[in-house]
Amino acid sequence: MLVVTGAAGFIGSCLIQRLNELNFNLIVAVDHFDNPEKKKNLEGKKIQEFVNRDNFFEWLDKNNTHVEFIFHIGARTDTTEFNKAIFDELNVDYSQKIWKACIDFQIPLVYASSAATYGNGEFGYDDNEQTIPQLKPLNPYGDSKNDFDIWALKQEKKPFFWAGLKFFNVYGPNEYHKGRMASVIFHAYNQIKATGQMKLFRSHKAEFTDGGQMRDFVYVKDVCNVIVFLMHHRKNSGIYNLGSGKARTFLDLAKNTFKNMHVQEDISFIDTPIDIRDKYQYFTEANMSKLKGIGYKDEFHTLEKGIEDYVTNYLIPGKYW
């Protein structure tokens, strides 16, 4: 059996779909299943068992001999939440318990870290494990992910295979439930559909033009393919970037969304909200050489191709993956 935590969420549900497509059907879905919007992400998927997040370790004590791999995707991901205790509980303490269980039961592990750990990028965007303790995230979410990465690297005992993945700006199907935390492409689509216009955040830094802020946008299908690669690879443990490797502007994103919706461009700018203005990343770009260096060869979707697939095949028809 393959365990996926955060199974009803965006990336977790997409990973289950990809595993099903590859004929992995003995999936154990771990999450809180109390959100009806998130439940839609799992409809039609082949899942062996649903386990509540709070009961998972009790379940694992009884069933560990049947578990072949744990994908720990579940996390509190709200970058506007500033209650550190919430992140400590869900992103650090819970992850530490999974780590220790994987050691005790000899289960390989892939877990979700984040590019939020890089903060303003003072130390670049290289997944060099030597620099991880020096990173300065901009919010408690990024801190929690970096705290766990640092903790994992310090451990004398480790799972026989483990990989932490620093997700950059992931977008794609199954993020309907995410509200403010959904991708900019999702918000662009809904704004354009409702108003025929798109409002982007104005730049508050002289070196960036309005809409010229750049992020590494990575399509969720590519994220899932990397995770599946690591499931089979099971060597070269460590922390890896997971982005497209190519930063693109928010203007590029908006223009491609208009194009695939067949709507004439109408783009304007608004001030970045005060509560996130000082915590806003103006540039991110994953150095992907480390992952490629261990043998990952698949090409990543360009922003153009990713938006085309997402808008045309999921957002317009309102479908899930």
C-alpha atoms as a PDB file:
ATOM      1  CA  MET A   1       0.000   0.000   0.000  1.00  0.00           C
ATOM      2  CA  LEU A   2       1.035   3.580  -0.674  1.00  0.00           C
ATOM      3  CA  VAL A   3       0.171   6.232   1.924  1.00  0.00           C
ATOM      4  CA  VAL A   4      -0.609   9.797   0.835  1.00  0.00           C
ATOM      5  CA  THR A   5      -1.100  12.409   3.576  1.00  0.00           C
ATOM      6  CA  GLY A   6      -2.965  15.569   2.646  1.00  0.00           C
ATOM      7  CA  ALA A   7      -4.808  13.251   0.278  1.00  0.00           C
ATOM      8  CA  ALA A   8      -7.886  15.450  -0.182  1.00  0.00           C
ATOM      9  CA  GLY A   9      -5.822  18.544  -0.899  1.00  0.00           C
ATOM     10  CA  PHE A  10      -4.501  19.955  -4.149  1.00  0.00           C
ATOM     11  CA  ILE A  11      -1.185  18.166  -4.672  1.00  0.00           C
ATOM     12  CA  GLY A  12      -2.135  15.063  -2.671  1.00  0.00           C
ATOM     13  CA  SER A  13      -5.238  14.346  -4.756  1.00  0.00           C
ATOM     14  CA  CYS A  14      -3.333  14.927  -7.995  1.00  0.00           C
ATOM     15  CA  LEU A  15      -0.641  12.493  -6.848  1.00  0.00           C
ATOM     16  CA  ILE A  16      -3.301   9.856  -6.201  1.00  0.00           C
ATOM     17  CA  GLN A  17      -4.680  10.390  -9.712  1.00  0.00           C
ATOM     18  CA  ARG A  18      -1.206   9.970 -11.230  1.00  0.00           C
ATOM     19  CA  LEU A  19      -0.597   6.819  -9.197  1.00  0.00           C
ATOM     20  CA  ASN A  20      -3.967   5.431 -10.309  1.00  0.00           C
ATOM     21  CA  GLU A  21      -3.068   6.151 -13.939  1.00  0.00           C
ATOM     22  CA  LEU A  22       0.076   4.072 -13.403  1.00  0.00           C
ATOM     23  CA  ASN A  23      -2.069   1.260 -11.933  1.00  0.00           C
ATOM     24  CA  PHE A  24      -1.170   1.866  -8.289  1.00  0.00           C
ATOM     25  CA  ASN A  25      -4.596   1.430  -6.727  1.00  0.00           C
ATOM     26  CA  LEU A  26      -3.872   0.321  -3.156  1.00  0.00           C
ATOM     27  CA  ILE A  27      -3.793   3.869  -1.830  1.00  0.00           C
ATOM     28  CA  VAL A  28      -4.305   4.867   1.796  1.00  0.00           C
ATOM     29  CA  ALA A  29      -5.654   8.421   1.902  1.00  0.00           C
ATOM     30  CA  VAL A  30      -4.814  10.336   5.103  1.00  0.00           C
ATOM     31  CA  ASP A  31      -6.479  13.692   5.834  1.00  0.00           C
ATOM     32  CA  HIS A  32      -9.319  15.385   7.641  1.00  0.00           C
ATOM     33  CA  PHE A  33     -12.268  14.555   5.394  1.00  0.00           C
ATOM     34  CA  ASP A  34     -14.645  17.196   6.739  1.00  0.00           C
ATOM     35  CA  ASN A  35     -14.462  19.677   3.858  1.00  0.00           C
ATOM     36  CA  PRO A  36     -17.045  18.857   1.158  1.00  0.00           C
ATOM     37  CA  GLU A  37     -15.160  20.929  -1.431  1.00  0.00           C
ATOM     38  CA  LYS A  38     -11.974  18.922  -0.860  1.00  0.00           C
ATOM     39  CA  LYS A  39     -13.885  15.635  -1.004  1.00  0.00           C
ATOM     40  CA  LYS A  40     -14.629  16.374  -4.655  1.00  0.00           C
ATOM     41  CA  ASN A  41     -10.894  16.056  -5.350  1.00  0.00           C
ATOM     42  CA  LEU A  42     -11.103  12.344  -4.517  1.00  0.00           C
ATOM     43  CA  GLU A  43     -14.282  11.379  -6.369  1.00  0.00           C
ATOM     44  CA  GLY A  44     -13.700   8.541  -8.823  1.00  0.00           C
ATOM     45  CA  LYS A  45     -10.205   7.742  -7.572  1.00  0.00           C
ATOM     46  CA  LYS A  46      -9.185   4.237  -6.532  1.00  0.00           C
ATOM     47  CA  ILE A  47      -8.464   4.372  -2.819  1.00  0.00           C
ATOM     48  CA  GLN A  48      -8.124   1.337  -0.568  1.00  0.00           C
ATOM     49  CA  GLU A  49      -8.749   3.076   2.745  1.00  0.00           C
ATOM     50  CA  PHE A  50      -9.464   6.506   4.244  1.00  0.00           C
ATOM     51  CA  VAL A  51      -7.706   7.295   7.526  1.00  0.00           C
ATOM     52  CA  ASN A  52      -8.324  10.415   9.595  1.00  0.00           C
ATOM     53  CA  ARG A  53      -5.147  12.417  10.155  1.00  0.00           C
ATOM     54  CA  ASP A  54      -5.571  12.230  13.936  1.00  0.00           C
ATOM     55  CA  ASN A  55      -5.744   8.423  13.857  1.00  0.00           C
ATOM     56  CA  PHE A  56      -2.945   7.809  11.375  1.00  0.00           C
ATOM     57  CA  PHE A  57      -0.186   6.727  13.761  1.00  0.00           C
ATOM     58  CA  GLU A  58      -2.478   4.281  15.522  1.00  0.00           C
ATOM     59  CA  TRP A  59      -3.407   2.897  12.085  1.00  0.00           C
ATOM     60  CA  LEU A  60       0.266   2.707  11.060  1.00  0.00           C
ATOM     61  CA  ASP A  61       1.207   0.750  14.199  1.00  0.00           C
ATOM     62  CA  LYS A  62      -1.214  -1.954  13.092  1.00  0.00           C
ATOM     63  CA  ASN A  63      -0.640  -1.855   9.318  1.00  0.00           C
ATOM     64  CA  ASN A  64       2.991  -0.858   8.783  1.00  0.00           C
ATOM     65  CA  THR A  65       4.035  -4.205   7.301  1.00  0.00           C
ATOM     66  CA  HIS A  66       1.753  -3.507   4.330  1.00  0.00           C
ATOM     67  CA  VAL A  67       3.021   0.031   3.655  1.00  0.00           C
ATOM     68  CA  GLU A  68       5.534   0.343   0.809  1.00  0.00           C
ATOM     69  CA  PHE A  69       5.967   4.124   0.725  1.00  0.00           C
ATOM     70  CA  ILE A  70       4.747   7.262   2.501  1.00  0.00           C
ATOM     71  CA  PHE A  71       4.176  10.497   0.587  1.00  0.00           C
ATOM     72  CA  HIS A  72       3.799  13.143   3.287  1.00  0.00           C
ATOM     73  CA  ILE A  73       2.145  15.968   1.346  1.00  0.00           C
ATOM     74  CA  GLY A  74      -0.200  17.195   4.080  1.00  0.00           C
ATOM     75  CA  ALA A  75       0.608  20.536   5.714  1.00  0.00           C
ATOM     76  CA  ARG A  76      -0.856  23.844   6.815  1.00  0.00           C
ATOM     77  CA  THR A  77       0.040  25.997   3.800  1.00  0.00           C
ATOM     78  CA  ASP A  78      -1.550  29.384   4.556  1.00  0.00           C
ATOM     79  CA  THR A  79       1.208  31.964   4.129  1.00  0.00           C
ATOM     80  CA  THR A  80      -1.027  34.637   5.716  1.00  0.00           C
ATOM     81  CA  GLU A  81      -1.429  32.685   8.966  1.00  0.00           C
ATOM     82  CA  PHE A  82       0.886  34.020  11.677  1.00  0.00           C
ATOM     83  CA  ASN A  83       0.064  31.687  14.578  1.00  0.00           C
ATOM     84  CA  LYS A  84       3.346  29.813  14.929  1.00  0.00           C
ATOM     85  CA  ALA A  85       1.792  27.164  17.186  1.00  0.00           C
ATOM     86  CA  ILE A  86      -0.437  25.922  14.340  1.00  0.00           C
ATOM     87  CA  PHE A  87       2.567  25.406  12.065  1.00  0.00           C
ATOM     88  CA  ASP A  88       4.626  23.800  14.833  1.00  0.00           C
ATOM     89  CA  GLU A  89       1.899  21.224  15.407  1.00  0.00           C
ATOM     90  CA  LEU A  90       1.034  20.359  11.811  1.00  0.00           C
ATOM     91  CA  ASN A  91       4.205  21.075   9.828  1.00  0.00           C
ATOM     92  CA  VAL A  92       6.950  20.255  12.326  1.00  0.00           C
ATOM     93  CA  ASP A  93       5.741  17.927  15.098  1.00  0.00           C
ATOM     94  CA  TYR A  94       3.530  15.781  12.847  1.00  0.00           C
ATOM     95  CA  SER A  95       6.284  15.519  10.232  1.00  0.00           C
ATOM     96  CA  GLN A  96       8.798  14.471  12.892  1.00  0.00           C
ATOM     97  CA  LYS A  97       6.466  11.669  13.982  1.00  0.00           C
ATOM     98  CA  ILE A  98       6.179  10.461  10.385  1.00  0.00           C
ATOM     99  CA  TRP A  99       9.966  10.572   9.991  1.00  0.00           C
ATOM    100  CA  LYS A 100      10.487   8.485  13.125  1.00  0.00           C
ATOM    101  CA  ALA A 101       7.806   5.999  12.068  1.00  0.00           C
ATOM    102  CA  CYS A 102       9.507   5.562   8.688  1.00  0.00           C
ATOM    103  CA  ILE A 103      12.735   4.703  10.514  1.00  0.00           C
ATOM    104  CA  ASP A 104      11.042   2.279  12.912  1.00  0.00           C
ATOM    105  CA  PHE A 105       9.092   0.498  10.196  1.00  0.00           C
ATOM    106  CA  GLN A 106      11.686   0.768   7.379  1.00  0.00           C
ATOM    107  CA  ILE A 107       9.412   2.756   5.061  1.00  0.00           C
ATOM    108  CA  PRO A 108      10.797   5.141   2.399  1.00  0.00           C
ATOM    109  CA  LEU A 109       9.554   8.722   2.585  1.00  0.00           C
ATOM    110  CA  VAL A 110       8.974  11.710   0.324  1.00  0.00           C
ATOM    111  CA  TYR A 111       7.802  14.848   2.102  1.00  0.00           C
ATOM    112  CA  ALA A 112       6.742  18.321   1.008  1.00  0.00           C
ATOM    113  CA  SER A 113       9.014  21.227   1.811  1.00  0.00           C
ATOM    114  CA  SER A 114       8.614  24.617   0.105  1.00  0.00           C
ATOM    115  CA  ALA A 115      10.392  27.353  -1.816  1.00  0.00           C
ATOM    116  CA  ALA A 116       8.977  29.666   0.864  1.00  0.00           C
ATOM    117  CA  THR A 117      12.054  28.577   2.830  1.00  0.00           C
ATOM    118  CA  TYR A 118      14.196  30.764   0.535  1.00  0.00           C
ATOM    119  CA  GLY A 119      12.639  34.034   1.693  1.00  0.00           C
ATOM    120  CA  ASN A 120      13.925  36.937  -0.375  1.00  0.00           C
ATOM    121  CA  GLY A 121      16.521  34.713  -1.984  1.00  0.00           C
ATOM    122  CA  GLU A 122      19.548  36.282  -0.298  1.00  0.00           C
ATOM    123  CA  PHE A 123      21.306  32.933  -0.582  1.00  0.00           C
ATOM    124  CA  GLY A 124      19.965  32.082  -4.029  1.00  0.00           C
ATOM    125  CA  TYR A 125      17.665  29.218  -4.948  1.00  0.00           C
ATOM    126  CA  ASP A 126      20.141  26.338  -4.919  1.00  0.00           C
ATOM    127  CA  ASP A 127      19.061  23.231  -2.992  1.00  0.00           C
ATOM    128  CA  ASN A 128      22.451  23.107  -1.281  1.00  0.00           C
ATOM    129  CA  GLU A 129      21.903  21.460   2.081  1.00  0.00           C
ATOM    130  CA  GLN A 130      24.864  23.338   3.585  1.00  0.00           C
ATOM    131  CA  THR A 131      23.061  26.681   3.282  1.00  0.00           C
ATOM    132  CA  ILE A 132      19.653  25.554   4.587  1.00  0.00           C
ATOM    133  CA  PRO A 133      20.348  26.631   8.222  1.00  0.00           C
ATOM    134  CA  GLN A 134      21.156  30.158   6.958  1.00  0.00           C
ATOM    135  CA  LEU A 135      17.888  30.686   5.062  1.00  0.00           C
ATOM    136  CA  LYS A 136      15.520  33.434   6.193  1.00  0.00           C
ATOM    137  CA  PRO A 137      11.875  32.663   5.323  1.00  0.00           C
ATOM    138  CA  LEU A 138       9.431  35.572   5.284  1.00  0.00           C
ATOM    139  CA  ASN A 139       6.550  34.025   7.240  1.00  0.00           C
ATOM    140  CA  PRO A 140       5.765  31.325   9.844  1.00  0.00           C
ATOM    141  CA  TYR A 141       4.772  28.865   7.102  1.00  0.00           C
ATOM    142  CA  GLY A 142       8.210  29.144   5.478  1.00  0.00           C
ATOM    143  CA  ASP A 143       9.839  28.978   8.905  1.00  0.00           C
ATOM    144  CA  SER A 144       8.022  25.736   9.720  1.00  0.00           C
ATOM    145  CA  LYS A 145       9.146  24.088   6.494  1.00  0.00           C
ATOM    146  CA  ASN A 146      12.725  25.226   6.993  1.00  0.00           C
ATOM    147  CA  ASP A 147      12.676  24.161  10.649  1.00  0.00           C
ATOM    148  CA  PHE A 148      11.748  20.634   9.607  1.00  0.00           C
ATOM    149  CA  ASP A 149      14.369  20.532   6.834  1.00  0.00           C
ATOM    150  CA  ILE A 150      17.042  21.591   9.342  1.00  0.00           C
ATOM    151  CA  TRP A 151      15.818  19.023  11.862  1.00  0.00           C
ATOM    152  CA  ALA A 152      15.804  16.237   9.250  1.00  0.00           C
ATOM    153  CA  LEU A 153      19.349  16.980   8.129  1.00  0.00           C
ATOM    154  CA  LYS A 154      20.615  16.890  11.725  1.00  0.00           C
ATOM    155  CA  GLN A 155      19.183  13.462  12.478  1.00  0.00           C
ATOM    156  CA  GLU A 156      21.639  10.624  12.955  1.00  0.00           C
ATOM    157  CA  LYS A 157      18.879   8.119  12.202  1.00  0.00           C
ATOM    158  CA  LYS A 158      17.134   8.569   8.873  1.00  0.00           C
ATOM    159  CA  PRO A 159      14.718   6.502   6.756  1.00  0.00           C
ATOM    160  CA  PHE A 160      16.678   4.250   4.380  1.00  0.00           C
ATOM    161  CA  PHE A 161      15.424   6.519   1.578  1.00  0.00           C
ATOM    162  CA  TRP A 162      13.982   9.976   2.032  1.00  0.00           C
ATOM    163  CA  ALA A 163      13.537  13.110  -0.054  1.00  0.00           C
ATOM    164  CA  GLY A 164      12.268  16.558   0.885  1.00  0.00           C
ATOM    165  CA  LEU A 165      10.871  18.518  -2.056  1.00  0.00           C
ATOM    166  CA  LYS A 166      10.952  22.316  -2.099  1.00  0.00           C
ATOM    167  CA  PHE A 167       7.796  23.020  -4.104  1.00  0.00           C
ATOM    168  CA  PHE A 168       7.899  26.327  -5.963  1.00  0.00           C
ATOM    169  CA  ASN A 169       4.644  27.939  -7.235  1.00  0.00           C
ATOM    170  CA  VAL A 170       2.546  24.888  -8.030  1.00  0.00           C
ATOM    171  CA  TYR A 171      -0.619  25.348 -10.106  1.00  0.00           C
ATOM    172  CA  GLY A 172      -3.115  23.070 -11.765  1.00  0.00           C
ATOM    173  CA  PRO A 173      -6.381  21.145 -11.327  1.00  0.00           C
ATOM    174  CA  ASN A 174      -7.920  20.288  -7.939  1.00  0.00           C
ATOM    175  CA  GLU A 175      -7.201  23.632  -6.267  1.00  0.00           C
ATOM    176  CA  TYR A 176     -10.830  24.814  -6.386  1.00  0.00           C
ATOM    177  CA  HIS A 177     -11.080  24.679  -2.571  1.00  0.00           C
ATOM    178  CA  LYS A 178      -7.963  26.709  -1.743  1.00  0.00           C
ATOM    179  CA  GLY A 179      -9.495  30.199  -1.657  1.00  0.00           C
ATOM    180  CA  ARG A 180      -6.913  32.949  -1.247  1.00  0.00           C
ATOM    181  CA  MET A 181      -4.080  30.383  -1.316  1.00  0.00           C
ATOM    182  CA  ALA A 182      -4.975  29.061  -4.789  1.00  0.00           C
ATOM    183  CA  SER A 183      -2.564  29.782  -7.635  1.00  0.00           C
ATOM    184  CA  VAL A 184      -2.520  33.115  -9.456  1.00  0.00           C
ATOM    185  CA  ILE A 185      -3.670  31.284 -12.597  1.00  0.00           C
ATOM    186  CA  PHE A 186      -6.792  30.048 -10.796  1.00  0.00           C
ATOM    187  CA  HIS A 187      -7.546  33.579  -9.572  1.00  0.00           C
ATOM    188  CA  ALA A 188      -6.807  35.054 -12.989  1.00  0.00           C
ATOM    189  CA  TYR A 189      -9.253  32.667 -14.646  1.00  0.00           C
ATOM    190  CA  ASN A 190     -12.023  33.512 -12.178  1.00  0.00           C
ATOM    191  CA  GLN A 191     -11.417  37.269 -12.358  1.00  0.00           C
ATOM    192  CA  ILE A 192     -11.443  37.248 -16.141  1.00  0.00           C
ATOM    193  CA  LYS A 193     -14.545  35.055 -16.242  1.00  0.00           C
ATOM    194  CA  ALA A 194     -16.397  37.366 -13.854  1.00  0.00           C
ATOM    195  CA  THR A 195     -15.235  40.790 -15.071  1.00  0.00           C
ATOM    196  CA  GLY A 196     -13.350  40.395 -18.358  1.00  0.00           C
ATOM    197  CA  GLN A 197     -10.374  41.980 -16.581  1.00  0.00           C
ATOM    198  CA  MET A 198      -7.331  40.947 -14.546  1.00  0.00           C
ATOM    199  CA  LYS A 199      -5.842  42.947 -11.675  1.00  0.00           C
ATOM    200  CA  LEU A 200      -2.224  42.178 -10.791  1.00  0.00           C
ATOM    201  CA  PHE A 201      -0.275  43.391  -7.789  1.00  0.00           C
ATOM    202  CA  ARG A 202       1.623  46.607  -8.409  1.00  0.00           C
ATOM    203  CA  SER A 203       5.370  46.438  -7.824  1.00  0.00           C
ATOM    204  CA  HIS A 204       6.603  48.180  -4.695  1.00  0.00           C
ATOM    205  CA  LYS A 205      10.258  47.747  -5.627  1.00  0.00           C
ATOM    206  CA  ALA A 206      11.949  50.029  -8.134  1.00  0.00           C
ATOM    207  CA  GLU A 207      13.857  47.215  -9.824  1.00  0.00           C
ATOM    208  CA  PHE A 208      10.636  45.449 -10.868  1.00  0.00           C
ATOM    209  CA  THR A 209       8.019  46.857 -13.226  1.00  0.00           C
ATOM    210  CA  ASP A 210       4.322  46.397 -12.448  1.00  0.00           C
ATOM    211  CA  GLY A 211       3.542  42.787 -13.328  1.00  0.00           C
ATOM    212  CA  GLY A 212       7.247  42.127 -13.799  1.00  0.00           C
ATOM    213  CA  GLN A 213       7.541  40.229 -10.548  1.00  0.00           C
ATOM    214  CA  MET A 214       8.832  36.752 -11.419  1.00  0.00           C
ATOM    215  CA  ARG A 215       8.082  33.342  -9.989  1.00  0.00           C
ATOM    216  CA  ASP A 216       8.941  29.786 -10.874  1.00  0.00           C
ATOM    217  CA  PHE A 217       5.497  28.406 -11.762  1.00  0.00           C
ATOM    218  CA  VAL A 218       5.461  24.591 -11.916  1.00  0.00           C
ATOM    219  CA  TYR A 219       2.566  22.510 -13.216  1.00  0.00           C
ATOM    220  CA  VAL A 220       1.202  19.990 -10.725  1.00  0.00           C
ATOM    221  CA  LYS A 221       1.456  17.139 -13.249  1.00  0.00           C
ATOM    222  CA  ASP A 222       5.226  17.676 -13.358  1.00  0.00           C
ATOM    223  CA  VAL A 223       5.342  17.656  -9.554  1.00  0.00           C
ATOM    224  CA  CYS A 224       3.580  14.292  -9.527  1.00  0.00           C
ATOM    225  CA  ASN A 225       5.946  12.855 -12.144  1.00  0.00           C
ATOM    226  CA  VAL A 226       8.965  13.818 -10.026  1.00  0.00           C
ATOM    227  CA  ILE A 227       7.437  12.177  -6.941  1.00  0.00           C
ATOM    228  CA  VAL A 228       6.776   8.968  -8.895  1.00  0.00           C
ATOM    229  CA  PHE A 229      10.372   9.029 -10.182  1.00  0.00           C
ATOM    230  CA  LEU A 230      11.668   9.220  -6.610  1.00  0.00           C
ATOM    231  CA  MET A 231       9.379   6.376  -5.542  1.00  0.00           C
ATOM    232  CA  HIS A 232      11.132   4.141  -8.060  1.00  0.00           C
ATOM    233  CA  HIS A 233      14.613   5.677  -7.653  1.00  0.00           C
ATOM    234  CA  ARG A 234      14.989   5.197  -3.881  1.00  0.00           C
ATOM    235  CA  LYS A 235      18.562   6.399  -3.620  1.00  0.00           C
ATOM    236  CA  ASN A 236      20.390   9.744  -3.360  1.00  0.00           C
ATOM    237  CA  SER A 237      18.382  10.813  -0.297  1.00  0.00           C
ATOM    238  CA  GLY A 238      18.260  14.547   0.368  1.00  0.00           C
ATOM    239  CA  ILE A 239      16.428  17.816  -0.174  1.00  0.00           C
ATOM    240  CA  TYR A 240      15.588  18.825  -3.748  1.00  0.00           C
ATOM    241  CA  ASN A 241      14.112  21.826  -5.511  1.00  0.00           C
ATOM    242  CA  LEU A 242      10.931  21.132  -7.445  1.00  0.00           C
ATOM    243  CA  GLY A 243      10.161  23.948  -9.848  1.00  0.00           C
ATOM    244  CA  SER A 244      10.157  24.349 -13.610  1.00  0.00           C
ATOM    245  CA  GLY A 245      13.624  25.889 -13.451  1.00  0.00           C
ATOM    246  CA  LYS A 246      12.445  28.974 -15.339  1.00  0.00           C
ATOM    247  CA  ALA A 247      11.122  32.167 -13.711  1.00  0.00           C
ATOM    248  CA  ARG A 248       8.291  33.897 -15.553  1.00  0.00           C
ATOM    249  CA  THR A 249       6.484  37.192 -14.994  1.00  0.00           C
ATOM    250  CA  PHE A 250       2.953  37.612 -13.722  1.00  0.00           C
ATOM    251  CA  LEU A 251       2.243  39.495 -16.948  1.00  0.00           C
ATOM    252  CA  ASP A 252       3.187  36.362 -18.916  1.00  0.00           C
ATOM    253  CA  LEU A 253       0.805  34.394 -16.744  1.00  0.00           C
ATOM    254  CA  ALA A 254      -2.085  36.833 -17.200  1.00  0.00           C
ATOM    255  CA  LYS A 255      -1.594  37.144 -20.964  1.00  0.00           C
ATOM    256  CA  ASN A 256      -1.607  33.358 -21.417  1.00  0.00           C
ATOM    257  CA  THR A 257      -4.730  32.986 -19.312  1.00  0.00           C
ATOM    258  CA  PHE A 258      -6.572  35.576 -21.439  1.00  0.00           C
ATOM    259  CA  LYS A 259      -5.335  33.819 -24.585  1.00  0.00           C
ATOM    260  CA  ASN A 260      -6.628  30.385 -23.559  1.00  0.00           C
ATOM    261  CA  MET A 261      -9.954  31.836 -22.461  1.00  0.00           C
ATOM    262  CA  HIS A 262     -10.247  33.614 -25.843  1.00  0.00           C
ATOM    263  CA  VAL A 263     -10.833  36.937 -24.088  1.00  0.00           C
ATOM    264  CA  GLN A 264      -9.223  40.239 -25.089  1.00  0.00           C
ATOM    265  CA  GLU A 265      -6.521  41.360 -22.652  1.00  0.00           C
ATOM    266  CA  ASP A 266      -7.505  43.921 -20.034  1.00  0.00           C
ATOM    267  CA  ILE A 267      -4.835  44.063 -17.318  1.00  0.00           C
ATOM    268  CA  SER A 268      -4.557  46.685 -14.545  1.00  0.00           C
ATOM    269  CA  PHE A 269      -2.664  46.946 -11.258  1.00  0.00           C
ATOM    270  CA  ILE A 270      -3.589  47.266  -7.581  1.00  0.00           C
ATOM    271  CA  ASP A 271      -1.439  47.743  -4.501  1.00  0.00           C
ATOM    272  CA  THR A 272      -0.146  44.577  -2.866  1.00  0.00           C
ATOM    273  CA  PRO A 273      -2.168  44.091   0.355  1.00  0.00           C
ATOM    274  CA  ILE A 274      -0.454  45.566   3.390  1.00  0.00           C
ATOM    275  CA  ASP A 275      -0.582  42.298   5.369  1.00  0.00           C
ATOM    276  CA  ILE A 276       1.633  40.489   2.851  1.00  0.00           C
ATOM    277  CA  ARG A 277       3.565  43.376   1.268  1.00  0.00           C
ATOM    278  CA  ASP A 278       6.705  42.972   3.384  1.00  0.00           C
ATOM    279  CA  LYS A 279       6.568  39.181   3.039  1.00  0.00           C
ATOM    280  CA  TYR A 280       6.157  39.071  -0.738  1.00  0.00           C
ATOM    281  CA  GLN A 281       8.694  37.252  -2.904  1.00  0.00           C
ATOM    282  CA  TYR A 282       9.523  39.242  -6.044  1.00  0.00           C
ATOM    283  CA  PHE A 283      11.663  36.569  -7.689  1.00  0.00           C
ATOM    284  CA  THR A 284      12.010  32.813  -7.380  1.00  0.00           C
ATOM    285  CA  GLU A 285      13.692  30.361  -9.740  1.00  0.00           C
ATOM    286  CA  ALA A 286      14.574  26.786  -8.902  1.00  0.00           C
ATOM    287  CA  ASN A 287      18.028  25.510  -9.726  1.00  0.00           C
ATOM    288  CA  MET A 288      17.026  22.049 -10.944  1.00  0.00           C
ATOM    289  CA  SER A 289      20.512  20.647 -11.596  1.00  0.00           C
ATOM    290  CA  LYS A 290      20.527  18.496  -8.450  1.00  0.00           C
ATOM    291  CA  LEU A 291      17.395  16.537  -9.409  1.00  0.00           C
ATOM    292  CA  LYS A 292      18.574  16.193 -12.999  1.00  0.00           C
ATOM    293  CA  GLY A 293      21.949  15.060 -11.701  1.00  0.00           C
ATOM    294  CA  ILE A 294      20.419  11.929 -10.149  1.00  0.00           C
ATOM    295  CA  GLY A 295      18.772  10.958 -13.430  1.00  0.00           C
ATOM    296  CA  TYR A 296      15.473  12.831 -13.789  1.00  0.00           C
ATOM    297  CA  LYS A 297      15.103  13.425 -17.521  1.00  0.00           C
ATOM    298  CA  ASP A 298      11.464  14.401 -18.170  1.00  0.00           C
ATOM    299  CA  GLU A 299      10.852  17.880 -19.577  1.00  0.00           C
ATOM    300  CA  PHE A 300       8.736  20.273 -17.523  1.00  0.00           C
ATOM    301  CA  HIS A 301       5.698  22.022 -18.981  1.00  0.00           C
ATOM    302  CA  THR A 302       6.411  25.527 -20.179  1.00  0.00           C
ATOM    303  CA  LEU A 303       4.116  28.132 -18.624  1.00  0.00           C
ATOM    304  CA  GLU A 304       2.320  28.350 -21.981  1.00  0.00           C
ATOM    305  CA  LYS A 305       1.664  24.597 -22.183  1.00  0.00           C
ATOM    306  CA  GLY A 306       0.743  24.268 -18.520  1.00  0.00           C
ATOM    307  CA  ILE A 307      -1.792  27.093 -18.636  1.00  0.00           C
ATOM    308  CA  GLU A 308      -3.238  25.755 -21.888  1.00  0.00           C
ATOM    309  CA  ASP A 309      -3.858  22.321 -20.357  1.00  0.00           C
ATOM    310  CA  TYR A 310      -5.166  23.715 -17.060  1.00  0.00           C
ATOM    311  CA  VAL A 311      -7.533  26.307 -18.523  1.00  0.00           C
ATOM    312  CA  THR A 312      -8.769  24.248 -21.486  1.00  0.00           C
ATOM    313  CA  ASN A 313      -9.169  20.832 -19.885  1.00  0.00           C
ATOM    314  CA  TYR A 314     -10.018  21.663 -16.269  1.00  0.00           C
ATOM    315  CA  LEU A 315     -11.042  25.253 -15.489  1.00  0.00           C
ATOM    316  CA  ILE A 316     -13.371  25.899 -18.437  1.00  0.00           C
ATOM    317  CA  PRO A 317     -15.236  22.565 -18.111  1.00  0.00           C
ATOM    318  CA  GLY A 318     -14.954  22.649 -14.271  1.00  0.00           C
ATOM    319  CA  LYS A 319     -13.275  19.245 -14.169  1.00  0.00           C
ATOM    320  CA  TYR A 320     -10.973  17.595 -11.670  1.00  0.00           C
ATOM    321  CA  TRP A 321      -7.912  15.461 -12.361  1.00  0.00           C
END
